[in-house]
């Protein structure tokens, strides 16, 4: 999976918050250096723990 980049400042057709696509590697490096874009890091998703059912609670206890 390739890296995703998010616009921090307006760049051409991209506004802050947009995912930046269609740029060459050199353009990506240039905009990273200028602080115009940043690498998008997805937030970890926490899965809620399942509550034990009545039968599981009786067997455990």
PDB file of N, CA and C in Angstrom:
ATOM      1  N   UNK A   1       0.843  -1.179   0.000  1.00  0.00           N
ATOM      2  CA  UNK A   1       0.000   0.000   0.000  1.00  0.00           C
ATOM      3  C   UNK A   1       0.886   1.240   0.000  1.00  0.00           C
ATOM      4  N   UNK A   2       0.592   2.168  -0.861  1.00  0.00           N
ATOM      5  CA  UNK A   2       1.389   3.385  -0.930  1.00  0.00           C
ATOM      6  C   UNK A   2       0.965   4.358   0.167  1.00  0.00           C
ATOM      7  N   UNK A   3       1.813   5.332   0.410  1.00  0.00           N
ATOM      8  CA  UNK A   3       1.540   6.314   1.456  1.00  0.00           C
ATOM      9  C   UNK A   3       0.487   7.303   0.974  1.00  0.00           C
ATOM     10  N   UNK A   4      -0.292   7.805   1.909  1.00  0.00           N
ATOM     11  CA  UNK A   4      -1.281   8.830   1.617  1.00  0.00           C
ATOM     12  C   UNK A   4      -0.789  10.148   2.180  1.00  0.00           C
ATOM     13  N   UNK A   5      -1.041  11.230   1.451  1.00  0.00           N
ATOM     14  CA  UNK A   5      -0.628  12.554   1.886  1.00  0.00           C
ATOM     15  C   UNK A   5      -1.846  13.456   1.956  1.00  0.00           C
ATOM     16  N   UNK A   6      -1.866  14.334   2.965  1.00  0.00           N
ATOM     17  CA  UNK A   6      -2.978  15.228   3.207  1.00  0.00           C
ATOM     18  C   UNK A   6      -2.489  16.673   3.100  1.00  0.00           C
ATOM     19  N   UNK A   7      -3.273  17.506   2.435  1.00  0.00           N
ATOM     20  CA  UNK A   7      -2.901  18.912   2.280  1.00  0.00           C
ATOM     21  C   UNK A   7      -3.060  19.638   3.612  1.00  0.00           C
ATOM     22  N   UNK A   8      -2.041  20.417   3.978  1.00  0.00           N
ATOM     23  CA  UNK A   8      -2.080  21.238   5.179  1.00  0.00           C
ATOM     24  C   UNK A   8      -2.420  22.677   4.792  1.00  0.00           C
ATOM     25  N   UNK A   9      -1.915  23.085   3.628  1.00  0.00           N
ATOM     26  CA  UNK A   9      -2.146  24.418   3.078  1.00  0.00           C
ATOM     27  C   UNK A   9      -2.739  24.249   1.678  1.00  0.00           C
ATOM     28  N   UNK A  10      -3.397  25.278   1.144  1.00  0.00           N
ATOM     29  CA  UNK A  10      -3.913  25.166  -0.224  1.00  0.00           C
ATOM     30  C   UNK A  10      -2.775  24.968  -1.234  1.00  0.00           C
ATOM     31  N   UNK A  11      -2.929  23.956  -2.084  1.00  0.00           N
ATOM     32  CA  UNK A  11      -1.957  23.666  -3.146  1.00  0.00           C
ATOM     33  C   UNK A  11      -2.755  23.427  -4.419  1.00  0.00           C
ATOM     34  N   UNK A  12      -2.713  24.348  -5.339  1.00  0.00           N
ATOM     35  CA  UNK A  12      -3.435  24.171  -6.602  1.00  0.00           C
ATOM     36  C   UNK A  12      -4.897  23.862  -6.355  1.00  0.00           C
ATOM     37  N   UNK A  13      -5.329  22.678  -6.774  1.00  0.00           N
ATOM     38  CA  UNK A  13      -6.741  22.294  -6.632  1.00  0.00           C
ATOM     39  C   UNK A  13      -7.060  21.689  -5.271  1.00  0.00           C
ATOM     40  N   UNK A  14      -6.046  21.467  -4.427  1.00  0.00           N
ATOM     41  CA  UNK A  14      -6.244  20.847  -3.120  1.00  0.00           C
ATOM     42  C   UNK A  14      -6.420  21.899  -2.035  1.00  0.00           C
ATOM     43  N   UNK A  15      -7.368  21.661  -1.149  1.00  0.00           N
ATOM     44  CA  UNK A  15      -7.590  22.539  -0.006  1.00  0.00           C
ATOM     45  C   UNK A  15      -7.164  21.775   1.246  1.00  0.00           C
ATOM     46  N   UNK A  16      -6.896  22.470   2.355  1.00  0.00           N
ATOM     47  CA  UNK A  16      -6.496  21.767   3.578  1.00  0.00           C
ATOM     48  C   UNK A  16      -7.495  20.676   3.956  1.00  0.00           C
ATOM     49  N   UNK A  17      -6.961  19.496   4.228  1.00  0.00           N
ATOM     50  CA  UNK A  17      -7.784  18.341   4.582  1.00  0.00           C
ATOM     51  C   UNK A  17      -7.990  17.369   3.442  1.00  0.00           C
ATOM     52  N   UNK A  18      -7.747  17.815   2.196  1.00  0.00           N
ATOM     53  CA  UNK A  18      -7.880  16.928   1.041  1.00  0.00           C
ATOM     54  C   UNK A  18      -6.722  15.944   0.998  1.00  0.00           C
ATOM     55  N   UNK A  19      -6.994  14.753   0.433  1.00  0.00           N
ATOM     56  CA  UNK A  19      -5.917  13.822   0.144  1.00  0.00           C
ATOM     57  C   UNK A  19      -5.294  14.246  -1.173  1.00  0.00           C
ATOM     58  N   UNK A  20      -3.972  14.336  -1.186  1.00  0.00           N
ATOM     59  CA  UNK A  20      -3.238  14.801  -2.350  1.00  0.00           C
ATOM     60  C   UNK A  20      -2.893  13.599  -3.219  1.00  0.00           C
ATOM     61  N   UNK A  21      -3.245  13.694  -4.508  1.00  0.00           N
ATOM     62  CA  UNK A  21      -2.955  12.605  -5.443  1.00  0.00           C
ATOM     63  C   UNK A  21      -2.513  13.190  -6.765  1.00  0.00           C
ATOM     64  N   UNK A  22      -1.790  12.403  -7.517  1.00  0.00           N
ATOM     65  CA  UNK A  22      -1.398  12.816  -8.855  1.00  0.00           C
ATOM     66  C   UNK A  22      -0.133  13.651  -8.909  1.00  0.00           C
ATOM     67  N   UNK A  23       0.620  13.710  -7.816  1.00  0.00           N
ATOM     68  CA  UNK A  23       1.883  14.456  -7.819  1.00  0.00           C
ATOM     69  C   UNK A  23       3.038  13.482  -8.021  1.00  0.00           C
ATOM     70  N   UNK A  24       4.089  13.963  -8.643  1.00  0.00           N
ATOM     71  CA  UNK A  24       5.281  13.132  -8.829  1.00  0.00           C
ATOM     72  C   UNK A  24       6.026  13.024  -7.495  1.00  0.00           C
ATOM     73  N   UNK A  25       6.949  12.102  -7.427  1.00  0.00           N
ATOM     74  CA  UNK A  25       7.742  11.917  -6.201  1.00  0.00           C
ATOM     75  C   UNK A  25       8.508  13.188  -5.840  1.00  0.00           C
ATOM     76  N   UNK A  26       9.037  13.859  -6.852  1.00  0.00           N
ATOM     77  CA  UNK A  26       9.800  15.083  -6.567  1.00  0.00           C
ATOM     78  C   UNK A  26       8.879  16.186  -6.043  1.00  0.00           C
ATOM     79  N   UNK A  27       7.653  16.269  -6.578  1.00  0.00           N
ATOM     80  CA  UNK A  27       6.696  17.263  -6.084  1.00  0.00           C
ATOM     81  C   UNK A  27       6.274  16.957  -4.649  1.00  0.00           C
ATOM     82  N   UNK A  28       6.094  15.687  -4.343  1.00  0.00           N
ATOM     83  CA  UNK A  28       5.736  15.292  -2.976  1.00  0.00           C
ATOM     84  C   UNK A  28       6.844  15.683  -2.012  1.00  0.00           C
ATOM     85  N   UNK A  29       8.092  15.377  -2.380  1.00  0.00           N
ATOM     86  CA  UNK A  29       9.215  15.733  -1.510  1.00  0.00           C
ATOM     87  C   UNK A  29       9.330  17.243  -1.342  1.00  0.00           C
ATOM     88  N   UNK A  30       9.089  17.995  -2.414  1.00  0.00           N
ATOM     89  CA  UNK A  30       9.146  19.453  -2.351  1.00  0.00           C
ATOM     90  C   UNK A  30       8.085  20.000  -1.390  1.00  0.00           C
ATOM     91  N   UNK A  31       6.861  19.516  -1.509  1.00  0.00           N
ATOM     92  CA  UNK A  31       5.765  20.015  -0.671  1.00  0.00           C
ATOM     93  C   UNK A  31       5.896  19.532   0.775  1.00  0.00           C
ATOM     94  N   UNK A  32       6.463  18.342   0.972  1.00  0.00           N
ATOM     95  CA  UNK A  32       6.735  17.890   2.342  1.00  0.00           C
ATOM     96  C   UNK A  32       7.739  18.819   3.008  1.00  0.00           C
ATOM     97  N   UNK A  33       8.776  19.184   2.266  1.00  0.00           N
ATOM     98  CA  UNK A  33       9.804  20.080   2.786  1.00  0.00           C
ATOM     99  C   UNK A  33       9.272  21.469   3.108  1.00  0.00           C
ATOM    100  N   UNK A  34       8.326  21.940   2.315  1.00  0.00           N
ATOM    101  CA  UNK A  34       7.748  23.265   2.542  1.00  0.00           C
ATOM    102  C   UNK A  34       6.658  23.244   3.622  1.00  0.00           C
ATOM    103  N   UNK A  35       6.225  22.059   4.012  1.00  0.00           N
ATOM    104  CA  UNK A  35       5.171  21.954   5.018  1.00  0.00           C
ATOM    105  C   UNK A  35       3.778  22.124   4.435  1.00  0.00           C
ATOM    106  N   UNK A  36       3.648  21.988   3.125  1.00  0.00           N
ATOM    107  CA  UNK A  36       2.343  22.117   2.479  1.00  0.00           C
ATOM    108  C   UNK A  36       1.487  20.866   2.623  1.00  0.00           C
ATOM    109  N   UNK A  37       2.150  19.704   2.737  1.00  0.00           N
ATOM    110  CA  UNK A  37       1.443  18.439   2.899  1.00  0.00           C
ATOM    111  C   UNK A  37       2.076  17.666   4.044  1.00  0.00           C
ATOM    112  N   UNK A  38       1.351  16.689   4.544  1.00  0.00           N
ATOM    113  CA  UNK A  38       1.887  15.794   5.569  1.00  0.00           C
ATOM    114  C   UNK A  38       1.427  14.382   5.258  1.00  0.00           C
ATOM    115  N   UNK A  39       2.170  13.416   5.769  1.00  0.00           N
ATOM    116  CA  UNK A  39       1.775  12.030   5.573  1.00  0.00           C
ATOM    117  C   UNK A  39       0.560  11.742   6.433  1.00  0.00           C
ATOM    118  N   UNK A  40      -0.431  11.095   5.849  1.00  0.00           N
ATOM    119  CA  UNK A  40      -1.655  10.768   6.580  1.00  0.00           C
ATOM    120  C   UNK A  40      -1.423   9.492   7.367  1.00  0.00           C
ATOM    121  N   UNK A  41      -1.650   9.574   8.675  1.00  0.00           N
ATOM    122  CA  UNK A  41      -1.522   8.414   9.544  1.00  0.00           C
ATOM    123  C   UNK A  41      -2.911   8.116  10.100  1.00  0.00           C
ATOM    124  N   UNK A  42      -3.522   6.997   9.693  1.00  0.00           N
ATOM    125  CA  UNK A  42      -4.859   6.695  10.189  1.00  0.00           C
ATOM    126  C   UNK A  42      -4.849   6.450  11.695  1.00  0.00           C
ATOM    127  N   UNK A  43      -5.907   6.904  12.356  1.00  0.00           N
ATOM    128  CA  UNK A  43      -6.011   6.705  13.793  1.00  0.00           C
ATOM    129  C   UNK A  43      -6.384   5.251  14.059  1.00  0.00           C
ATOM    130  N   UNK A  44      -5.785   4.640  15.085  1.00  0.00           N
ATOM    131  CA  UNK A  44      -6.129   3.255  15.388  1.00  0.00           C
ATOM    132  C   UNK A  44      -7.584   3.161  15.852  1.00  0.00           C
ATOM    133  N   UNK A  45      -8.252   2.129  15.401  1.00  0.00           N
ATOM    134  CA  UNK A  45      -9.655   1.924  15.750  1.00  0.00           C
ATOM    135  C   UNK A  45      -9.721   0.919  16.885  1.00  0.00           C
ATOM    136  N   UNK A  46     -10.316   1.337  17.985  1.00  0.00           N
ATOM    137  CA  UNK A  46     -10.471   0.434  19.122  1.00  0.00           C
ATOM    138  C   UNK A  46     -11.788  -0.303  18.987  1.00  0.00           C
ATOM    139  N   UNK A  47     -11.722  -1.621  19.125  1.00  0.00           N
ATOM    140  CA  UNK A  47     -12.944  -2.405  19.083  1.00  0.00           C
ATOM    141  C   UNK A  47     -13.439  -2.592  20.512  1.00  0.00           C
ATOM    142  N   UNK A  48     -14.716  -2.353  20.748  1.00  0.00           N
ATOM    143  CA  UNK A  48     -15.229  -2.512  22.102  1.00  0.00           C
ATOM    144  C   UNK A  48     -15.209  -3.984  22.512  1.00  0.00           C
ATOM    145  N   UNK A  49     -14.897  -4.222  23.783  1.00  0.00           N
ATOM    146  CA  UNK A  49     -14.879  -5.594  24.274  1.00  0.00           C
ATOM    147  C   UNK A  49     -16.312  -6.073  24.435  1.00  0.00           C
ATOM    148  N   UNK A  50     -16.528  -7.295  24.050  1.00  0.00           N
ATOM    149  CA  UNK A  50     -17.872  -7.859  24.148  1.00  0.00           C
ATOM    150  C   UNK A  50     -18.185  -8.174  25.606  1.00  0.00           C
ATOM    151  N   UNK A  51     -19.390  -7.850  26.000  1.00  0.00           N
ATOM    152  CA  UNK A  51     -19.820  -8.172  27.361  1.00  0.00           C
ATOM    153  C   UNK A  51     -20.123  -9.662  27.421  1.00  0.00           C
ATOM    154  N   UNK A  52     -19.757 -10.316  28.517  1.00  0.00           N
ATOM    155  CA  UNK A  52     -20.053 -11.750  28.615  1.00  0.00           C
ATOM    156  C   UNK A  52     -21.564 -11.981  28.701  1.00  0.00           C
ATOM    157  N   UNK A  53     -21.993 -13.011  28.050  1.00  0.00           N
ATOM    158  CA  UNK A  53     -23.409 -13.357  28.120  1.00  0.00           C
ATOM    159  C   UNK A  53     -23.686 -14.013  29.462  1.00  0.00           C
ATOM    160  N   UNK A  54     -24.933 -14.222  29.766  1.00  0.00           N
ATOM    161  CA  UNK A  54     -25.303 -14.810  31.062  1.00  0.00           C
ATOM    162  C   UNK A  54     -24.723 -16.213  31.203  1.00  0.00           C
ATOM    163  N   UNK A  55     -24.705 -16.993  30.118  1.00  0.00           N
ATOM    164  CA  UNK A  55     -24.173 -18.351  30.216  1.00  0.00           C
ATOM    165  C   UNK A  55     -22.664 -18.328  30.417  1.00  0.00           C
ATOM    166  N   UNK A  56     -21.955 -17.393  29.780  1.00  0.00           N
ATOM    167  CA  UNK A  56     -20.509 -17.291  29.980  1.00  0.00           C
ATOM    168  C   UNK A  56     -20.205 -16.856  31.400  1.00  0.00           C
ATOM    169  N   UNK A  57     -20.987 -15.950  31.935  1.00  0.00           N
ATOM    170  CA  UNK A  57     -20.759 -15.476  33.292  1.00  0.00           C
ATOM    171  C   UNK A  57     -20.946 -16.599  34.301  1.00  0.00           C
ATOM    172  N   UNK A  58     -21.921 -17.465  34.069  1.00  0.00           N
ATOM    173  CA  UNK A  58     -22.167 -18.581  34.988  1.00  0.00           C
ATOM    174  C   UNK A  58     -21.047 -19.617  34.910  1.00  0.00           C
ATOM    175  N   UNK A  59     -20.521 -19.859  33.712  1.00  0.00           N
ATOM    176  CA  UNK A  59     -19.475 -20.856  33.552  1.00  0.00           C
ATOM    177  C   UNK A  59     -18.161 -20.367  34.156  1.00  0.00           C
ATOM    178  N   UNK A  60     -17.880 -19.089  34.054  1.00  0.00           N
ATOM    179  CA  UNK A  60     -16.626 -18.544  34.565  1.00  0.00           C
ATOM    180  C   UNK A  60     -16.635 -18.419  36.090  1.00  0.00           C
ATOM    181  N   UNK A  61     -17.747 -18.159  36.669  1.00  0.00           N
ATOM    182  CA  UNK A  61     -17.802 -17.799  38.066  1.00  0.00           C
ATOM    183  C   UNK A  61     -18.181 -18.908  38.937  1.00  0.00           C
TER     184      UNK A  61
END
